[in-house]
Amino acid sequence: NEKLSINYAASMTMPGQDYAGDFEDTFSARAGFIWKLGKTNKPTQI
């Protein structure tokens, strides 16, 4: 909505590396949200 935004992403290394460990050692992920505080300035609409 006008105040709340969420984001989520993941990254992975190239396969075939020596001594890279298990899958969780080659994988990374993030998630977050943005909550706007205060009055929202809406753009003029026609």
All heavy atoms as atom14 arrays in JSON, in Angstrom:
{
  "sequence": "NEKLSINYAASMTMPGQDYAGDFEDTFSARAGFIWKLGKTNKPTQI",
  "atom14_mask": [
    [1, 1, 1, 1, 1, 1, 1, 1, 0, 0, 0, 0, 0, 0],
    [1, 1, 1, 1, 1, 1, 1, 1, 1, 0, 0, 0, 0, 0],
    [1, 1, 1, 1, 1, 1, 1, 1, 1, 0, 0, 0, 0, 0],
    [1, 1, 1, 1, 1, 1, 1, 1, 0, 0, 0, 0, 0, 0],
    [1, 1, 1, 1, 1, 1, 0, 0, 0, 0, 0, 0, 0, 0],
    [1, 1, 1, 1, 1, 1, 1, 1, 0, 0, 0, 0, 0, 0],
    [1, 1, 1, 1, 1, 1, 1, 1, 0, 0, 0, 0, 0, 0],
    [1, 1, 1, 1, 1, 1, 1, 1, 1, 1, 1, 1, 0, 0],
    [1, 1, 1, 1, 1, 0, 0, 0, 0, 0, 0, 0, 0, 0],
    [1, 1, 1, 1, 1, 0, 0, 0, 0, 0, 0, 0, 0, 0],
    [1, 1, 1, 1, 1, 1, 0, 0, 0, 0, 0, 0, 0, 0],
    [1, 1, 1, 1, 1, 1, 1, 1, 0, 0, 0, 0, 0, 0],
    [1, 1, 1, 1, 1, 1, 1, 0, 0, 0, 0, 0, 0, 0],
    [1, 1, 1, 1, 1, 1, 1, 1, 0, 0, 0, 0, 0, 0],
    [1, 1, 1, 1, 1, 1, 1, 0, 0, 0, 0, 0, 0, 0],
    [1, 1, 1, 1, 0, 0, 0, 0, 0, 0, 0, 0, 0, 0],
    [1, 1, 1, 1, 1, 1, 1, 1, 1, 0, 0, 0, 0, 0],
    [1, 1, 1, 1, 1, 1, 1, 1, 0, 0, 0, 0, 0, 0],
    [1, 1, 1, 1, 1, 1, 1, 1, 1, 1, 1, 1, 0, 0],
    [1, 1, 1, 1, 1, 0, 0, 0, 0, 0, 0, 0, 0, 0],
    [1, 1, 1, 1, 0, 0, 0, 0, 0, 0, 0, 0, 0, 0],
    [1, 1, 1, 1, 1, 1, 1, 1, 0, 0, 0, 0, 0, 0],
    [1, 1, 1, 1, 1, 1, 1, 1, 1, 1, 1, 0, 0, 0],
    [1, 1, 1, 1, 1, 1, 1, 1, 1, 0, 0, 0, 0, 0],
    [1, 1, 1, 1, 1, 1, 1, 1, 0, 0, 0, 0, 0, 0],
    [1, 1, 1, 1, 1, 1, 1, 0, 0, 0, 0, 0, 0, 0],
    [1, 1, 1, 1, 1, 1, 1, 1, 1, 1, 1, 0, 0, 0],
    [1, 1, 1, 1, 1, 1, 0, 0, 0, 0, 0, 0, 0, 0],
    [1, 1, 1, 1, 1, 0, 0, 0, 0, 0, 0, 0, 0, 0],
    [1, 1, 1, 1, 1, 1, 1, 1, 1, 1, 1, 0, 0, 0],
    [1, 1, 1, 1, 1, 0, 0, 0, 0, 0, 0, 0, 0, 0],
    [1, 1, 1, 1, 0, 0, 0, 0, 0, 0, 0, 0, 0, 0],
    [1, 1, 1, 1, 1, 1, 1, 1, 1, 1, 1, 0, 0, 0],
    [1, 1, 1, 1, 1, 1, 1, 1, 0, 0, 0, 0, 0, 0],
    [1, 1, 1, 1, 1, 1, 1, 1, 1, 1, 1, 1, 1, 1],
    [1, 1, 1, 1, 1, 1, 1, 1, 1, 0, 0, 0, 0, 0],
    [1, 1, 1, 1, 1, 1, 1, 1, 0, 0, 0, 0, 0, 0],
    [1, 1, 1, 1, 0, 0, 0, 0, 0, 0, 0, 0, 0, 0],
    [1, 1, 1, 1, 1, 1, 1, 1, 1, 0, 0, 0, 0, 0],
    [1, 1, 1, 1, 1, 1, 1, 0, 0, 0, 0, 0, 0, 0],
    [1, 1, 1, 1, 1, 1, 1, 1, 0, 0, 0, 0, 0, 0],
    [1, 1, 1, 1, 1, 1, 1, 1, 1, 0, 0, 0, 0, 0],
    [1, 1, 1, 1, 1, 1, 1, 0, 0, 0, 0, 0, 0, 0],
    [1, 1, 1, 1, 1, 1, 1, 0, 0, 0, 0, 0, 0, 0],
    [1, 1, 1, 1, 1, 1, 1, 1, 1, 0, 0, 0, 0, 0],
    [1, 1, 1, 1, 1, 1, 1, 1, 0, 0, 0, 0, 0, 0]
  ],
  "atom14_positions": [
    [[0.86, -1.18, 0.0], [0.0, 0.0, 0.0], [0.89, 1.23, 0.0], [2.1, 1.13, -0.22], [-0.97, -0.02, 1.19], [-0.25, -0.23, 2.52], [0.76, 0.41, 2.78], [-0.77, -1.12, 3.34], [0.0, 0.0, 0.0], [0.0, 0.0, 0.0], [0.0, 0.0, 0.0], [0.0, 0.0, 0.0], [0.0, 0.0, 0.0], [0.0, 0.0, 0.0]],
    [[0.3, 2.38, 0.26], [1.07, 3.62, 0.18], [2.18, 3.7, 1.23], [3.17, 4.4, 1.05], [0.14, 4.82, 0.34], [-0.83, 5.0, -0.8], [-0.13, 5.22, -2.12], [0.97, 5.83, -2.1], [-0.63, 4.79, -3.17], [0.0, 0.0, 0.0], [0.0, 0.0, 0.0], [0.0, 0.0, 0.0], [0.0, 0.0, 0.0], [0.0, 0.0, 0.0]],
    [[2.03, 2.99, 2.32], [3.0, 3.07, 3.41], [3.93, 1.85, 3.5], [5.04, 1.96, 4.0], [2.28, 3.24, 4.75], [1.7, 4.62, 4.98], [1.11, 4.75, 6.36], [0.67, 6.18, 6.65], [1.83, 7.09, 6.79], [0.0, 0.0, 0.0], [0.0, 0.0, 0.0], [0.0, 0.0, 0.0], [0.0, 0.0, 0.0], [0.0, 0.0, 0.0]],
    [[3.48, 0.69, 3.05], [4.22, -0.55, 3.26], [4.7, -1.15, 1.94], [3.93, -1.32, 1.01], [3.34, -1.58, 3.99], [3.97, -2.96, 4.24], [5.21, -2.83, 5.14], [2.94, -3.9, 4.85], [0.0, 0.0, 0.0], [0.0, 0.0, 0.0], [0.0, 0.0, 0.0], [0.0, 0.0, 0.0], [0.0, 0.0, 0.0], [0.0, 0.0, 0.0]],
    [[6.01, -1.49, 1.92], [6.62, -2.21, 0.8], [7.47, -3.34, 1.37], [8.12, -3.18, 2.42], [7.48, -1.29, -0.06], [6.7, -0.27, -0.65], [0.0, 0.0, 0.0], [0.0, 0.0, 0.0], [0.0, 0.0, 0.0], [0.0, 0.0, 0.0], [0.0, 0.0, 0.0], [0.0, 0.0, 0.0], [0.0, 0.0, 0.0], [0.0, 0.0, 0.0]],
    [[7.5, -4.49, 0.7], [8.32, -5.62, 1.13], [9.23, -6.04, -0.02], [8.94, -5.79, -1.19], [7.45, -6.83, 1.58], [6.57, -7.32, 0.43], [6.61, -6.46, 2.79], [5.79, -8.58, 0.77], [0.0, 0.0, 0.0], [0.0, 0.0, 0.0], [0.0, 0.0, 0.0], [0.0, 0.0, 0.0], [0.0, 0.0, 0.0], [0.0, 0.0, 0.0]],
    [[10.38, -6.65, 0.34], [11.3, -7.15, -0.68], [11.93, -8.45, -0.21], [12.09, -8.69, 0.99], [12.38, -6.1, -0.98], [13.25, -5.79, 0.21], [14.22, -6.48, 0.48], [12.88, -4.72, 0.96], [0.0, 0.0, 0.0], [0.0, 0.0, 0.0], [0.0, 0.0, 0.0], [0.0, 0.0, 0.0], [0.0, 0.0, 0.0], [0.0, 0.0, 0.0]],
    [[12.31, -9.3, -1.14], [12.89, -10.61, -0.84], [13.78, -11.0, -2.02], [13.46, -10.73, -3.18], [11.82, -11.66, -0.58], [10.57, -11.48, -1.42], [10.48, -12.05, -2.69], [9.51, -10.7, -0.97], [9.36, -11.87, -3.47], [8.38, -10.5, -1.75], [8.31, -11.1, -3.0], [7.2, -10.91, -3.78], [0.0, 0.0, 0.0], [0.0, 0.0, 0.0]],
    [[14.94, -11.63, -1.71], [15.9, -11.98, -2.76], [16.81, -13.09, -2.27], [16.93, -13.34, -1.06], [16.72, -10.76, -3.18], [0.0, 0.0, 0.0], [0.0, 0.0, 0.0], [0.0, 0.0, 0.0], [0.0, 0.0, 0.0], [0.0, 0.0, 0.0], [0.0, 0.0, 0.0], [0.0, 0.0, 0.0], [0.0, 0.0, 0.0], [0.0, 0.0, 0.0]],
    [[17.47, -13.77, -3.2], [18.42, -14.84, -2.88], [19.54, -14.82, -3.9], [19.37, -14.39, -5.04], [17.73, -16.2, -2.88], [0.0, 0.0, 0.0], [0.0, 0.0, 0.0], [0.0, 0.0, 0.0], [0.0, 0.0, 0.0], [0.0, 0.0, 0.0], [0.0, 0.0, 0.0], [0.0, 0.0, 0.0], [0.0, 0.0, 0.0], [0.0, 0.0, 0.0]],
    [[20.72, -15.27, -3.49], [21.87, -15.36, -4.39], [22.58, -16.68, -4.16], [22.5, -17.28, -3.09], [22.84, -14.18, -4.18], [23.31, -14.16, -2.84], [0.0, 0.0, 0.0], [0.0, 0.0, 0.0], [0.0, 0.0, 0.0], [0.0, 0.0, 0.0], [0.0, 0.0, 0.0], [0.0, 0.0, 0.0], [0.0, 0.0, 0.0], [0.0, 0.0, 0.0]],
    [[23.32, -17.12, -5.2], [24.01, -18.42, -5.15], [25.31, -18.32, -5.94], [25.38, -17.65, -6.97], [23.11, -19.52, -5.74], [23.74, -20.92, -5.7], [22.61, -22.15, -6.35], [21.31, -22.08, -5.12], [0.0, 0.0, 0.0], [0.0, 0.0, 0.0], [0.0, 0.0, 0.0], [0.0, 0.0, 0.0], [0.0, 0.0, 0.0], [0.0, 0.0, 0.0]],
    [[26.35, -18.98, -5.42], [27.64, -18.98, -6.1], [27.62, -19.94, -7.28], [26.73, -20.78, -7.4], [28.77, -19.37, -5.14], [28.51, -20.69, -4.62], [28.86, -18.39, -3.99], [0.0, 0.0, 0.0], [0.0, 0.0, 0.0], [0.0, 0.0, 0.0], [0.0, 0.0, 0.0], [0.0, 0.0, 0.0], [0.0, 0.0, 0.0], [0.0, 0.0, 0.0]],
    [[28.66, -19.83, -8.11], [28.78, -20.72, -9.26], [29.04, -22.14, -8.78], [29.82, -22.35, -7.84], [29.93, -20.26, -10.16], [29.68, -18.93, -10.85], [28.46, -19.08, -12.15], [29.41, -20.01, -13.36], [0.0, 0.0, 0.0], [0.0, 0.0, 0.0], [0.0, 0.0, 0.0], [0.0, 0.0, 0.0], [0.0, 0.0, 0.0], [0.0, 0.0, 0.0]],
    [[28.42, -23.15, -9.39], [28.68, -24.53, -8.98], [30.06, -24.99, -9.42], [30.7, -24.37, -10.26], [27.57, -25.32, -9.71], [27.25, -24.47, -10.9], [27.42, -23.04, -10.46], [0.0, 0.0, 0.0], [0.0, 0.0, 0.0], [0.0, 0.0, 0.0], [0.0, 0.0, 0.0], [0.0, 0.0, 0.0], [0.0, 0.0, 0.0], [0.0, 0.0, 0.0]],
    [[30.52, -26.09, -8.84], [31.79, -26.69, -9.24], [32.99, -26.22, -8.45], [34.13, -26.55, -8.81], [0.0, 0.0, 0.0], [0.0, 0.0, 0.0], [0.0, 0.0, 0.0], [0.0, 0.0, 0.0], [0.0, 0.0, 0.0], [0.0, 0.0, 0.0], [0.0, 0.0, 0.0], [0.0, 0.0, 0.0], [0.0, 0.0, 0.0], [0.0, 0.0, 0.0]],
    [[32.8, -25.46, -7.37], [33.93, -25.01, -6.57], [34.44, -26.15, -5.68], [33.66, -26.95, -5.17], [33.52, -23.84, -5.69], [33.19, -22.57, -6.45], [32.8, -21.44, -5.51], [32.41, -21.66, -4.36], [32.9, -20.21, -5.99], [0.0, 0.0, 0.0], [0.0, 0.0, 0.0], [0.0, 0.0, 0.0], [0.0, 0.0, 0.0], [0.0, 0.0, 0.0]],
    [[35.77, -26.23, -5.52], [36.37, -27.2, -4.61], [36.28, -26.69, -3.17], [36.44, -25.49, -2.91], [37.84, -27.44, -4.98], [37.99, -28.09, -6.35], [37.06, -28.83, -6.74], [39.01, -27.85, -7.01], [0.0, 0.0, 0.0], [0.0, 0.0, 0.0], [0.0, 0.0, 0.0], [0.0, 0.0, 0.0], [0.0, 0.0, 0.0], [0.0, 0.0, 0.0]],
    [[36.02, -27.6, -2.26], [36.0, -27.29, -0.83], [35.01, -26.16, -0.51], [35.28, -25.3, 0.33], [37.4, -26.92, -0.32], [38.48, -27.87, -0.75], [39.43, -27.5, -1.69], [38.54, -29.16, -0.21], [40.42, -28.38, -2.1], [39.53, -30.04, -0.62], [40.46, -29.64, -1.57], [41.43, -30.52, -1.97], [0.0, 0.0, 0.0], [0.0, 0.0, 0.0]],
    [[33.88, -26.14, -1.21], [32.89, -25.07, -0.99], [31.96, -25.38, 0.17], [31.23, -24.5, 0.62], [32.07, -24.85, -2.26], [0.0, 0.0, 0.0], [0.0, 0.0, 0.0], [0.0, 0.0, 0.0], [0.0, 0.0, 0.0], [0.0, 0.0, 0.0], [0.0, 0.0, 0.0], [0.0, 0.0, 0.0], [0.0, 0.0, 0.0], [0.0, 0.0, 0.0]],
    [[31.96, -26.6, 0.67], [31.07, -26.96, 1.77], [29.72, -27.43, 1.26], [29.55, -27.81, 0.1], [0.0, 0.0, 0.0], [0.0, 0.0, 0.0], [0.0, 0.0, 0.0], [0.0, 0.0, 0.0], [0.0, 0.0, 0.0], [0.0, 0.0, 0.0], [0.0, 0.0, 0.0], [0.0, 0.0, 0.0], [0.0, 0.0, 0.0], [0.0, 0.0, 0.0]],
    [[28.72, -27.41, 2.14], [27.38, -27.86, 1.79], [26.62, -26.76, 1.05], [27.11, -25.65, 0.84], [26.62, -28.26, 3.07], [27.31, -29.4, 3.8], [27.91, -30.25, 3.11], [27.26, -29.42, 5.04], [0.0, 0.0, 0.0], [0.0, 0.0, 0.0], [0.0, 0.0, 0.0], [0.0, 0.0, 0.0], [0.0, 0.0, 0.0], [0.0, 0.0, 0.0]],
    [[25.36, -27.08, 0.68], [24.55, -26.13, -0.09], [24.37, -24.81, 0.66], [24.47, -23.73, 0.07], [23.18, -26.76, -0.39], [22.21, -25.79, -1.0], [22.31, -25.42, -2.33], [21.19, -25.22, -0.22], [21.41, -24.51, -2.89], [20.3, -24.33, -0.78], [20.41, -23.97, -2.12], [0.0, 0.0, 0.0], [0.0, 0.0, 0.0], [0.0, 0.0, 0.0]],
    [[24.12, -24.88, 1.97], [23.87, -23.65, 2.71], [25.11, -22.75, 2.77], [25.0, -21.56, 3.07], [23.4, -23.95, 4.13], [24.38, -24.77, 4.96], [24.09, -26.26, 4.88], [23.44, -26.68, 3.89], [24.51, -26.99, 5.79], [0.0, 0.0, 0.0], [0.0, 0.0, 0.0], [0.0, 0.0, 0.0], [0.0, 0.0, 0.0], [0.0, 0.0, 0.0]],
    [[26.29, -23.3, 2.46], [27.51, -22.5, 2.44], [27.66, -21.72, 1.14], [28.5, -20.82, 1.05], [28.74, -23.38, 2.65], [28.7, -24.11, 3.98], [28.24, -23.5, 4.96], [29.09, -25.29, 4.04], [0.0, 0.0, 0.0], [0.0, 0.0, 0.0], [0.0, 0.0, 0.0], [0.0, 0.0, 0.0], [0.0, 0.0, 0.0], [0.0, 0.0, 0.0]],
    [[26.89, -22.07, 0.11], [26.99, -21.39, -1.19], [25.73, -20.59, -1.5], [25.58, -20.1, -2.63], [27.2, -22.43, -2.3], [26.07, -23.32, -2.35], [28.45, -23.25, -2.05], [0.0, 0.0, 0.0], [0.0, 0.0, 0.0], [0.0, 0.0, 0.0], [0.0, 0.0, 0.0], [0.0, 0.0, 0.0], [0.0, 0.0, 0.0], [0.0, 0.0, 0.0]],
    [[24.85, -20.42, -0.51], [23.56, -19.78, -0.73], [23.39, -18.64, 0.27], [23.77, -18.75, 1.43], [22.45, -20.82, -0.56], [21.06, -20.25, -0.62], [20.45, -20.02, -1.84], [20.36, -19.96, 0.55], [19.16, -19.5, -1.9], [19.07, -19.45, 0.5], [18.47, -19.22, -0.74], [0.0, 0.0, 0.0], [0.0, 0.0, 0.0], [0.0, 0.0, 0.0]],
    [[22.8, -17.52, -0.19], [22.54, -16.38, 0.68], [21.17, -15.81, 0.32], [20.76, -15.84, -0.84], [23.61, -15.31, 0.51], [23.4, -14.24, 1.4], [0.0, 0.0, 0.0], [0.0, 0.0, 0.0], [0.0, 0.0, 0.0], [0.0, 0.0, 0.0], [0.0, 0.0, 0.0], [0.0, 0.0, 0.0], [0.0, 0.0, 0.0], [0.0, 0.0, 0.0]],
    [[20.45, -15.29, 1.32], [19.11, -14.74, 1.08], [18.86, -13.55, 2.0], [19.52, -13.4, 3.04], [18.05, -15.82, 1.31], [0.0, 0.0, 0.0], [0.0, 0.0, 0.0], [0.0, 0.0, 0.0], [0.0, 0.0, 0.0], [0.0, 0.0, 0.0], [0.0, 0.0, 0.0], [0.0, 0.0, 0.0], [0.0, 0.0, 0.0], [0.0, 0.0, 0.0]],
    [[17.93, -12.71, 1.59], [17.53, -11.58, 2.41], [16.04, -11.32, 2.22], [15.44, -11.67, 1.2], [18.31, -10.32, 2.07], [18.02, -9.77, 0.68], [18.54, -8.35, 0.55], [18.5, -7.83, -0.8], [17.42, -7.35, -1.41], [16.27, -7.35, -0.76], [17.48, -6.89, -2.64], [0.0, 0.0, 0.0], [0.0, 0.0, 0.0], [0.0, 0.0, 0.0]],
    [[15.43, -10.66, 3.22], [14.04, -10.22, 3.16], [13.88, -9.02, 4.07], [14.55, -8.91, 5.1], [13.09, -11.34, 3.58], [0.0, 0.0, 0.0], [0.0, 0.0, 0.0], [0.0, 0.0, 0.0], [0.0, 0.0, 0.0], [0.0, 0.0, 0.0], [0.0, 0.0, 0.0], [0.0, 0.0, 0.0], [0.0, 0.0, 0.0], [0.0, 0.0, 0.0]],
    [[13.02, -8.09, 3.68], [12.83, -6.89, 4.5], [11.57, -6.15, 4.11], [10.89, -6.51, 3.14], [0.0, 0.0, 0.0], [0.0, 0.0, 0.0], [0.0, 0.0, 0.0], [0.0, 0.0, 0.0], [0.0, 0.0, 0.0], [0.0, 0.0, 0.0], [0.0, 0.0, 0.0], [0.0, 0.0, 0.0], [0.0, 0.0, 0.0], [0.0, 0.0, 0.0]],
    [[11.25, -5.13, 4.88], [10.09, -4.3, 4.56], [10.42, -2.84, 4.85], [11.31, -2.53, 5.64], [8.86, -4.76, 5.35], [8.95, -4.47, 6.82], [8.46, -3.28, 7.35], [9.52, -5.39, 7.69], [8.53, -3.01, 8.7], [9.6, -5.13, 9.05], [9.11, -3.93, 9.56], [0.0, 0.0, 0.0], [0.0, 0.0, 0.0], [0.0, 0.0, 0.0]],
    [[9.68, -1.97, 4.18], [9.83, -0.53, 4.37], [8.47, 0.03, 4.78], [7.47, -0.17, 4.08], [10.32, 0.15, 3.09], [11.72, -0.36, 2.71], [10.34, 1.67, 3.25], [12.22, 0.17, 1.4], [0.0, 0.0, 0.0], [0.0, 0.0, 0.0], [0.0, 0.0, 0.0], [0.0, 0.0, 0.0], [0.0, 0.0, 0.0], [0.0, 0.0, 0.0]],
    [[8.43, 0.72, 5.93], [7.2, 1.3, 6.45], [7.39, 2.81, 6.53], [8.25, 3.31, 7.25], [6.88, 0.72, 7.83], [5.61, 1.27, 8.43], [5.51, 2.3, 9.31], [4.29, 0.83, 8.17], [4.19, 2.53, 9.63], [3.41, 1.63, 8.94], [3.74, -0.18, 7.35], [2.03, 1.46, 8.92], [2.37, -0.35, 7.35], [1.53, 0.47, 8.12]],
    [[6.62, 3.54, 5.74], [6.75, 4.99, 5.7], [6.04, 5.6, 6.9], [4.89, 5.27, 7.18], [6.14, 5.54, 4.42], [6.87, 5.11, 3.16], [6.23, 5.71, 1.92], [6.95, 5.28, 0.66], [6.32, 5.85, -0.55], [0.0, 0.0, 0.0], [0.0, 0.0, 0.0], [0.0, 0.0, 0.0], [0.0, 0.0, 0.0], [0.0, 0.0, 0.0]],
    [[6.73, 6.46, 7.61], [6.18, 7.14, 8.79], [5.78, 8.57, 8.43], [6.35, 9.19, 7.54], [7.21, 7.15, 9.92], [7.7, 5.77, 10.39], [8.78, 5.92, 11.44], [6.55, 4.91, 10.89], [0.0, 0.0, 0.0], [0.0, 0.0, 0.0], [0.0, 0.0, 0.0], [0.0, 0.0, 0.0], [0.0, 0.0, 0.0], [0.0, 0.0, 0.0]],
    [[4.81, 9.11, 9.16], [4.37, 10.48, 8.91], [3.37, 10.56, 7.78], [2.89, 9.56, 7.23], [0.0, 0.0, 0.0], [0.0, 0.0, 0.0], [0.0, 0.0, 0.0], [0.0, 0.0, 0.0], [0.0, 0.0, 0.0], [0.0, 0.0, 0.0], [0.0, 0.0, 0.0], [0.0, 0.0, 0.0], [0.0, 0.0, 0.0], [0.0, 0.0, 0.0]],
    [[3.03, 11.82, 7.41], [2.04, 12.07, 6.38], [2.59, 11.76, 5.01], [3.72, 12.1, 4.68], [1.6, 13.54, 6.44], [0.5, 13.9, 5.47], [0.11, 15.35, 5.6], [-0.99, 15.71, 4.59], [-1.38, 17.13, 4.69], [0.0, 0.0, 0.0], [0.0, 0.0, 0.0], [0.0, 0.0, 0.0], [0.0, 0.0, 0.0], [0.0, 0.0, 0.0]],
    [[1.75, 11.11, 4.21], [2.15, 10.76, 2.86], [1.73, 11.85, 1.9], [0.56, 12.25, 1.86], [1.5, 9.43, 2.43], [1.89, 8.41, 3.35], [1.94, 9.04, 1.03], [0.0, 0.0, 0.0], [0.0, 0.0, 0.0], [0.0, 0.0, 0.0], [0.0, 0.0, 0.0], [0.0, 0.0, 0.0], [0.0, 0.0, 0.0], [0.0, 0.0, 0.0]],
    [[2.68, 12.38, 1.16], [2.39, 13.41, 0.16], [2.04, 12.72, -1.15], [2.9, 12.19, -1.86], [3.61, 14.32, -0.03], [3.9, 15.13, 1.21], [2.98, 15.57, 1.9], [5.19, 15.3, 1.5], [0.0, 0.0, 0.0], [0.0, 0.0, 0.0], [0.0, 0.0, 0.0], [0.0, 0.0, 0.0], [0.0, 0.0, 0.0], [0.0, 0.0, 0.0]],
    [[0.7, 12.74, -1.45], [0.25, 12.1, -2.67], [0.48, 13.02, -3.86], [0.29, 14.23, -3.76], [-1.23, 11.77, -2.58], [-1.57, 10.74, -1.51], [-3.06, 10.42, -1.54], [-3.4, 9.37, -0.49], [-4.85, 9.03, -0.52], [0.0, 0.0, 0.0], [0.0, 0.0, 0.0], [0.0, 0.0, 0.0], [0.0, 0.0, 0.0], [0.0, 0.0, 0.0]],
    [[0.83, 12.52, -4.97], [1.02, 13.34, -6.16], [-0.34, 13.85, -6.67], [-1.38, 13.23, -6.47], [1.66, 12.38, -7.16], [1.25, 11.02, -6.7], [1.17, 11.11, -5.2], [0.0, 0.0, 0.0], [0.0, 0.0, 0.0], [0.0, 0.0, 0.0], [0.0, 0.0, 0.0], [0.0, 0.0, 0.0], [0.0, 0.0, 0.0], [0.0, 0.0, 0.0]],
    [[-0.36, 15.05, -7.3], [-1.59, 15.61, -7.86], [-2.14, 14.72, -8.96], [-1.4, 14.31, -9.86], [-1.31, 17.01, -8.42], [-0.77, 17.82, -7.37], [-2.58, 17.65, -8.95], [0.0, 0.0, 0.0], [0.0, 0.0, 0.0], [0.0, 0.0, 0.0], [0.0, 0.0, 0.0], [0.0, 0.0, 0.0], [0.0, 0.0, 0.0], [0.0, 0.0, 0.0]],
    [[-3.45, 14.43, -8.88], [-4.06, 13.56, -9.86], [-5.14, 14.32, -10.62], [-5.81, 15.22, -10.09], [-4.69, 12.34, -9.16], [-3.67, 11.47, -8.44], [-4.33, 10.27, -7.77], [-5.56, 10.19, -7.73], [-3.52, 9.37, -7.26], [0.0, 0.0, 0.0], [0.0, 0.0, 0.0], [0.0, 0.0, 0.0], [0.0, 0.0, 0.0], [0.0, 0.0, 0.0]],
    [[-5.37, 14.04, -11.9], [-6.39, 14.67, -12.75], [-7.27, 13.6, -13.34], [-6.86, 12.44, -13.48], [-5.74, 15.52, -13.85], [-4.86, 14.63, -14.74], [-4.93, 16.66, -13.26], [-4.27, 15.36, -15.93], [0.0, 0.0, 0.0], [0.0, 0.0, 0.0], [0.0, 0.0, 0.0], [0.0, 0.0, 0.0], [0.0, 0.0, 0.0], [0.0, 0.0, 0.0]]
  ]
}
